[in-house]
Structures are given as C-alpha cells and as structure tokens.
C-alpha cells in the first residue's frame, strides 16, 4: 500500500478576519474533497488571518497514480483560489 501526502501553504493577502479566511478556505477544501475523494483539512496556521496550511492524503497501490493525483489536486486548488497565492508545497509518497 502506498500513501501520498501533501502539505501546502496559501497566502491570503486580502483577508481581514478569521471569518473571511474561513469563507475562502472552506469551499475550496469541500470542493476538493468531493471532486477527488480525498482526506483534506486545514492543519496549521489556524489563527493566522492571512496564511492557511492545508494537508491532504491519497491511498493507492501505485506510486505513479499517487504522483499524478497529487499534481492534479494541487493544480486544481491553484486554479480555484481567488485572491490567494499558493506558497510552499511539500509532497511525499510513503510505502506502508
């Protein structure tokens, strides 16, 4: 079994409150979860108004499939986010 994990940072320069930040992040997380059937959540920087760190994971029997999915998910998120900038991205494929 192989597990792909990713953690990435979104910078939200126009966010002025936690409510506004959640209004940007929550729809993206929910759409991504439904579209790709993955586990995804905001995992760090929960109280920072202008930074969101999100993590997600994929389980498969193929490293190539996981790599393809990681790239597709990150591209989809980058395309969906209005008023935000994709920052640092960390990905890893683990064999369990």
Protein backbone atom coordinates (compact mmCIF):
# COMPACT_ATOMS: atom_id res chain seq x y z
CA UNK A 1 0.00 0.00 0.00
CA UNK A 2 1.25 3.45 -0.86
CA UNK A 3 0.17 6.73 0.74
CA UNK A 4 0.69 10.13 -0.82
CA UNK A 5 0.66 13.12 1.47
CA UNK A 6 0.90 16.81 0.68
CA UNK A 7 1.03 19.97 2.72
CA UNK A 8 0.85 23.38 1.14
CA UNK A 9 0.52 26.99 2.20
CA UNK A 10 -1.95 29.50 0.85
CA UNK A 11 -1.31 33.20 1.33
CA UNK A 12 -4.45 35.31 1.63
CA UNK A 13 -3.29 38.94 1.48
CA UNK A 14 -6.81 40.38 1.31
CA UNK A 15 -8.20 38.50 4.32
CA UNK A 16 -9.02 40.84 7.21
CA UNK A 17 -10.67 38.39 9.62
CA UNK A 18 -10.78 34.71 10.51
CA UNK A 19 -14.36 34.61 9.24
CA UNK A 20 -13.24 35.91 5.84
CA UNK A 21 -10.34 33.43 5.79
CA UNK A 22 -12.69 30.52 6.54
CA UNK A 23 -15.03 31.76 3.82
CA UNK A 24 -12.20 31.39 1.31
CA UNK A 25 -10.69 28.14 2.58
CA UNK A 26 -13.77 26.06 3.45
CA UNK A 27 -15.34 25.99 -0.04
CA UNK A 28 -12.03 25.03 -1.64
CA UNK A 29 -11.47 22.21 0.87
CA UNK A 30 -15.02 20.89 0.45
CA UNK A 31 -14.95 21.02 -3.37
CA UNK A 32 -11.56 19.30 -3.45
CA UNK A 33 -12.73 16.60 -1.02
CA UNK A 34 -15.83 15.87 -3.15
CA UNK A 35 -14.10 16.06 -6.52
CA UNK A 36 -11.09 13.86 -5.70
CA UNK A 37 -12.48 11.73 -2.82
CA UNK A 38 -9.54 12.52 -0.54
CA UNK A 39 -8.91 13.41 3.08
CA UNK A 40 -8.12 17.13 3.28
CA UNK A 41 -8.11 19.71 6.08
CA UNK A 42 -6.58 22.96 7.27
CA UNK A 43 -3.79 21.68 9.53
CA UNK A 44 -1.70 24.70 10.63
CA UNK A 45 -1.87 28.47 10.98
CA UNK A 46 -5.48 28.24 12.15
CA UNK A 47 -5.39 31.63 13.89
CA UNK A 48 -3.38 33.47 11.24
CA UNK A 49 -5.61 35.77 9.19
CA UNK A 50 -3.53 35.68 6.03
CA UNK A 51 -1.97 32.21 5.96
CA UNK A 52 -3.58 28.77 5.65
CA UNK A 53 -1.71 25.50 5.68
CA UNK A 54 -3.67 22.61 4.22
CA UNK A 55 -2.84 18.92 4.14
CA UNK A 56 -4.30 16.01 2.21
CA UNK A 57 -3.64 12.33 1.64
CA UNK A 58 -4.26 9.68 -1.02
CA UNK A 59 -4.08 5.89 -0.74
CA UNK A 60 -3.29 3.74 -3.77
CA UNK A 61 -1.31 0.72 -4.90
CA UNK A 62 0.63 2.76 -7.47
CA UNK A 63 3.20 5.49 -6.87
CA UNK A 64 2.64 6.78 -10.41
CA UNK A 65 -1.10 7.16 -9.73
CA UNK A 66 -0.43 8.99 -6.47
CA UNK A 67 2.03 11.36 -8.13
CA UNK A 68 -0.47 12.08 -10.90
CA UNK A 69 -3.22 12.75 -8.35
CA UNK A 70 -1.02 14.99 -6.20
CA UNK A 71 -0.21 17.16 -9.22
CA UNK A 72 -3.84 17.27 -10.41
CA UNK A 73 -5.15 18.23 -6.97
CA UNK A 74 -2.58 20.98 -6.47
CA UNK A 75 -3.25 22.37 -9.96
CA UNK A 76 -6.99 22.34 -9.29
CA UNK A 77 -6.59 24.17 -5.99
CA UNK A 78 -4.25 26.75 -7.52
CA UNK A 79 -6.78 27.38 -10.28
CA UNK A 80 -9.74 27.67 -7.85
CA UNK A 81 -8.33 30.09 -5.30
CA UNK A 82 -9.32 33.69 -5.96
CA UNK A 83 -7.36 36.33 -4.12
CA UNK A 84 -4.87 33.81 -2.74
CA UNK A 85 -1.40 32.70 -3.72
CA UNK A 86 -0.05 29.16 -3.47
CA UNK A 87 3.13 29.11 -1.42
CA UNK A 88 5.32 26.26 -0.18
CA UNK A 89 4.37 22.75 -1.26
CA UNK A 90 5.65 19.54 0.34
CA UNK A 91 4.73 16.11 -1.06
CA UNK A 92 5.80 12.63 -0.11
CA UNK A 93 4.89 9.10 -1.12
CA UNK A 94 5.20 6.54 1.67
CA UNK A 95 5.10 2.76 1.38
CA UNK A 96 3.24 1.19 4.27
